Amino acid sequence: MRLYKYIDARYLESLLNGGVRFLTLAYYRGHEAKGSIGDAEEAARVFHPLEGLEVTKVATGQRFRLQATFRSSARAEDVYVFCVSRALDAALATEFECDACVEILDGEEFGSRLKTAVERLPGERRFIQGPVAYYALPDAPVIDWALPEVMVFSKLAEYSRQAEYRFAFGRSDIFELSGTTQELVFGEPMRKSATCTRPPEVIQVGNLRDVTVVHRWGRLTRG
């Protein structure tokens, strides 16, 4: 499994030396103005059927539809992610405003090193990884709305071109069912921004030059 981290060339040495910089999902929520980088619906599962939400009145069994959006959210402030892509594409570099890309030649080995490093952190941490699944607002969430882990790997279909893959960690309790909150938003779907107050966590995994290649768009060098 080959993965690609688009990056500003100024930060190449830090990453190649093994400093993997994780940011919270709240950081990406709070930077939705940056377009391809930020997403106001990070760590959420949003459902907005075109015909409206079907609601059943418990007392009478009557069913009717509301013009509303259902949103279930995980604790974006408490989930740290390192985001990469499954695609090497100069267009993505342009979109992310990056002039370099670190190709991870062995994603399984890279993930194993990250998992080991995260498990050495104080406290009980859970490490997860996987590809992002993309969905449209009218897609029914089934049980996804109750699963924080699924939300970490969910994004709106408008981002599907990024072919994203994520490494994530947080306290174990964050990924339990009780770690979600739900709300109904009436009217047009509105996106929920957040302010990130937690600094990045840099996880040290050791020299990565043995499992990377650096792309500088026209120039290819061994990591």
Protein backbone atom coordinates (compact mmCIF):
# COMPACT_ATOMS: atom_id res chain seq x y z
CA MET A 1 0.00 0.00 0.00
CA ARG A 2 1.57 3.25 -1.19
CA LEU A 3 0.43 6.51 0.35
CA TYR A 4 1.22 10.15 -0.39
CA LYS A 5 1.68 13.08 1.99
CA TYR A 6 1.49 16.45 0.23
CA ILE A 7 3.66 18.87 2.12
CA ASP A 8 5.41 22.21 2.01
CA ALA A 9 9.05 21.44 1.18
CA ARG A 10 10.15 23.48 4.20
CA TYR A 11 8.84 20.69 6.44
CA LEU A 12 10.29 17.74 4.55
CA GLU A 13 13.28 17.18 6.80
CA SER A 14 11.17 17.14 9.93
CA LEU A 15 8.89 14.44 8.50
CA LEU A 16 11.72 12.37 7.01
CA ASN A 17 13.47 12.48 10.37
CA GLY A 18 10.41 10.84 11.88
CA GLY A 19 8.34 13.70 13.27
CA VAL A 20 4.77 12.88 12.22
CA ARG A 21 2.53 15.86 12.95
CA PHE A 22 -1.04 15.04 14.00
CA LEU A 23 -3.75 17.70 14.11
CA THR A 24 -7.20 17.44 15.66
CA LEU A 25 -10.30 17.09 13.51
CA ALA A 26 -11.44 20.34 15.15
CA TYR A 27 -8.50 22.04 13.43
CA TYR A 28 -9.86 21.02 10.03
CA ARG A 29 -13.38 21.99 11.06
CA GLY A 30 -12.16 25.43 11.99
CA HIS A 31 -10.37 25.98 8.68
CA GLU A 32 -13.27 25.42 6.28
CA ALA A 33 -12.44 28.73 4.60
CA LYS A 34 -9.35 27.05 3.18
CA GLY A 35 -11.51 24.94 0.89
CA SER A 36 -9.67 21.72 0.13
CA ILE A 37 -7.85 21.74 3.48
CA GLY A 38 -10.72 22.47 5.85
CA ASP A 39 -14.10 20.78 6.22
CA ALA A 40 -16.76 22.12 8.56
CA GLU A 41 -18.35 18.66 8.75
CA GLU A 42 -15.29 16.81 10.03
CA ALA A 43 -16.04 14.18 12.70
CA ALA A 44 -19.74 14.28 11.81
CA ARG A 45 -22.31 12.27 9.89
CA VAL A 46 -24.86 14.53 8.23
CA PHE A 47 -28.16 13.44 6.70
CA HIS A 48 -30.34 15.74 4.60
CA PRO A 49 -32.76 13.83 2.34
CA LEU A 50 -34.15 15.95 -0.47
CA GLU A 51 -37.72 15.01 0.44
CA GLY A 52 -37.17 15.85 4.11
CA LEU A 53 -36.55 13.79 7.25
CA GLU A 54 -39.21 11.21 8.01
CA VAL A 55 -40.36 11.51 11.63
CA THR A 56 -42.74 9.24 13.56
CA LYS A 57 -44.85 10.65 16.40
CA VAL A 58 -44.52 8.06 19.16
CA ALA A 59 -47.94 8.72 20.73
CA THR A 60 -49.97 8.20 17.53
CA GLY A 61 -47.64 6.43 15.10
CA GLN A 62 -48.26 9.26 12.64
CA ARG A 63 -45.46 9.77 10.12
CA PHE A 64 -44.57 13.07 8.51
CA ARG A 65 -41.56 14.83 6.99
CA LEU A 66 -39.54 17.75 8.30
CA GLN A 67 -37.34 20.01 6.20
CA ALA A 68 -34.39 19.53 8.51
CA THR A 69 -30.85 18.18 8.65
CA PHE A 70 -29.83 15.46 11.08
CA ARG A 71 -26.27 15.76 12.34
CA SER A 72 -24.43 13.39 14.63
CA SER A 73 -21.00 14.52 15.80
CA ALA A 74 -18.02 12.87 17.43
CA ARG A 75 -15.61 14.77 19.68
CA ALA A 76 -13.55 16.52 17.01
CA GLU A 77 -11.35 18.27 19.57
CA ASP A 78 -10.15 14.94 20.97
CA VAL A 79 -9.32 13.02 17.78
CA TYR A 80 -5.87 13.51 16.26
CA VAL A 81 -5.30 12.63 12.60
CA PHE A 82 -2.48 12.42 10.08
CA CYS A 83 -3.99 12.67 6.61
CA VAL A 84 -2.48 11.31 3.40
CA SER A 85 -3.77 10.40 -0.04
CA ARG A 86 -3.89 7.15 -2.02
CA ALA A 87 -3.16 9.12 -5.21
CA LEU A 88 -0.05 10.80 -6.58
CA ASP A 89 -1.35 13.71 -8.59
CA ALA A 90 0.21 17.10 -9.34
CA ALA A 91 -3.31 18.56 -9.38
CA LEU A 92 -3.72 17.60 -5.73
CA ALA A 93 -0.41 19.26 -4.90
CA THR A 94 -1.71 22.44 -6.51
CA GLU A 95 -5.00 22.15 -4.64
CA PHE A 96 -3.22 21.70 -1.31
CA GLU A 97 -0.74 24.47 -2.20
CA CYS A 98 2.19 22.10 -1.64
CA ASP A 99 5.42 21.94 -3.62
CA ALA A 100 6.48 18.45 -2.51
CA CYS A 101 5.05 15.05 -1.74
CA VAL A 102 6.43 12.27 0.45
CA GLU A 103 5.55 8.90 -1.04
CA ILE A 104 5.25 6.26 1.68
CA LEU A 105 6.34 3.07 -0.03
CA ASP A 106 5.02 0.71 2.64
CA GLY A 107 1.86 1.98 4.29
CA GLU A 108 1.56 -1.09 6.49
CA GLU A 109 5.05 -0.62 7.94
CA PHE A 110 4.47 3.11 8.39
CA GLY A 111 1.19 2.41 10.22
CA SER A 112 2.89 -0.17 12.42
CA ARG A 113 5.56 2.33 13.46
CA LEU A 114 2.93 4.95 14.24
CA LYS A 115 0.87 2.48 16.28
CA THR A 116 3.90 1.50 18.35
CA ALA A 117 4.79 5.15 18.98
CA VAL A 118 1.22 6.10 19.95
CA GLU A 119 1.00 3.18 22.38
CA ARG A 120 4.05 4.57 24.17
CA LEU A 121 2.21 7.82 24.93
CA PRO A 122 0.95 8.30 28.51
CA GLY A 123 -2.61 7.20 29.21
CA GLU A 124 -4.76 4.72 27.34
CA ARG A 125 -4.79 5.60 23.64
CA ARG A 126 -6.47 3.90 20.73
CA PHE A 127 -4.87 3.99 17.29
CA ILE A 128 -6.94 3.42 14.14
CA GLN A 129 -6.29 3.78 10.42
CA GLY A 130 -8.10 3.34 7.14
CA PRO A 131 -9.38 4.92 3.93
CA VAL A 132 -11.95 7.68 4.05
CA ALA A 133 -15.43 6.78 2.79
CA TYR A 134 -17.31 9.52 0.95
CA TYR A 135 -21.05 10.11 1.14
CA ALA A 136 -23.69 12.55 -0.14
CA LEU A 137 -26.08 14.47 2.13
CA PRO A 138 -29.15 12.43 1.02
CA ASP A 139 -27.41 9.11 1.87
CA ALA A 140 -29.05 7.48 4.90
CA PRO A 141 -26.48 6.98 7.71
CA VAL A 142 -28.01 3.64 8.90
CA ILE A 143 -26.00 3.07 12.14
CA ASP A 144 -23.00 5.21 11.17
CA TRP A 145 -24.42 8.14 13.14
CA ALA A 146 -23.74 6.24 16.40
CA LEU A 147 -20.16 5.18 15.67
CA PRO A 148 -17.41 7.77 16.31
CA GLU A 149 -14.81 5.58 14.64
CA VAL A 150 -16.82 5.56 11.40
CA MET A 151 -17.20 9.34 11.51
CA VAL A 152 -13.43 9.77 11.69
CA PHE A 153 -13.24 8.08 8.28
CA SER A 154 -16.26 9.79 6.68
CA LYS A 155 -16.34 12.88 4.49
CA LEU A 156 -18.74 14.51 2.07
CA ALA A 157 -18.57 13.37 -1.56
CA GLU A 158 -17.28 16.76 -2.71
CA TYR A 159 -13.86 15.74 -1.32
CA SER A 160 -13.70 12.32 -3.00
CA ARG A 161 -11.06 13.45 -5.51
CA GLN A 162 -8.58 13.54 -2.61
CA ALA A 163 -8.74 9.73 -2.14
CA GLU A 164 -7.83 10.26 1.49
CA TYR A 165 -6.38 7.75 3.94
CA ARG A 166 -6.07 8.52 7.65
CA PHE A 167 -4.11 7.54 10.72
CA ALA A 168 -5.87 8.60 13.91
CA PHE A 169 -5.67 8.26 17.66
CA GLY A 170 -7.33 9.46 20.82
CA ARG A 171 -8.33 8.29 24.26
CA SER A 172 -10.22 4.99 24.10
CA ASP A 173 -13.45 6.45 25.52
CA ILE A 174 -13.68 8.92 22.62
CA PHE A 175 -14.56 6.08 20.26
CA GLU A 176 -17.37 4.66 22.41
CA LEU A 177 -21.06 5.13 21.50
CA SER A 178 -21.44 7.69 24.26
CA GLY A 179 -18.93 9.89 22.44
CA THR A 180 -21.50 11.25 19.97
CA THR A 181 -24.08 14.05 20.12
CA GLN A 182 -27.07 14.53 17.84
CA GLU A 183 -29.04 17.55 16.68
CA LEU A 184 -31.67 18.60 14.17
CA VAL A 185 -31.03 21.73 12.12
CA PHE A 186 -34.07 23.22 10.42
CA GLY A 187 -34.00 24.85 7.01
CA GLU A 188 -31.08 24.59 4.64
CA PRO A 189 -28.14 22.36 5.65
CA MET A 190 -25.72 24.47 7.65
CA ARG A 191 -22.16 23.57 8.31
CA LYS A 192 -20.79 23.61 11.79
CA SER A 193 -17.43 25.23 12.37
CA ALA A 194 -15.27 24.80 15.45
CA THR A 195 -12.32 26.52 17.01
CA CYS A 196 -9.30 24.35 17.65
CA THR A 197 -7.59 25.08 20.94
CA ARG A 198 -5.31 22.05 21.21
CA PRO A 199 -1.80 22.15 19.74
CA PRO A 200 -0.56 19.52 17.27
CA GLU A 201 0.97 16.31 18.60
CA VAL A 202 4.23 15.32 16.92
CA ILE A 203 4.72 11.57 17.13
CA GLN A 204 8.33 10.45 16.81
CA VAL A 205 8.68 7.23 14.79
CA GLY A 206 12.36 7.35 13.84
CA ASN A 207 14.02 7.93 10.48
CA LEU A 208 11.58 7.39 7.59
CA ARG A 209 14.02 7.59 4.72
CA ASP A 210 14.02 3.82 4.30
CA VAL A 211 10.31 3.75 3.42
CA THR A 212 9.89 7.01 1.49
CA VAL A 213 10.52 8.70 -1.82
CA VAL A 214 10.30 12.47 -2.20
CA HIS A 215 8.55 13.97 -5.22
CA ARG A 216 9.28 17.57 -6.14
CA TRP A 217 7.29 17.64 -9.37
CA GLY A 218 9.83 16.91 -12.06
CA ARG A 219 12.50 15.75 -9.65
CA LEU A 220 12.49 12.42 -7.85
CA THR A 221 14.90 11.63 -5.03
CA ARG A 222 15.23 8.77 -2.60
CA GLY A 223 14.03 9.90 0.85
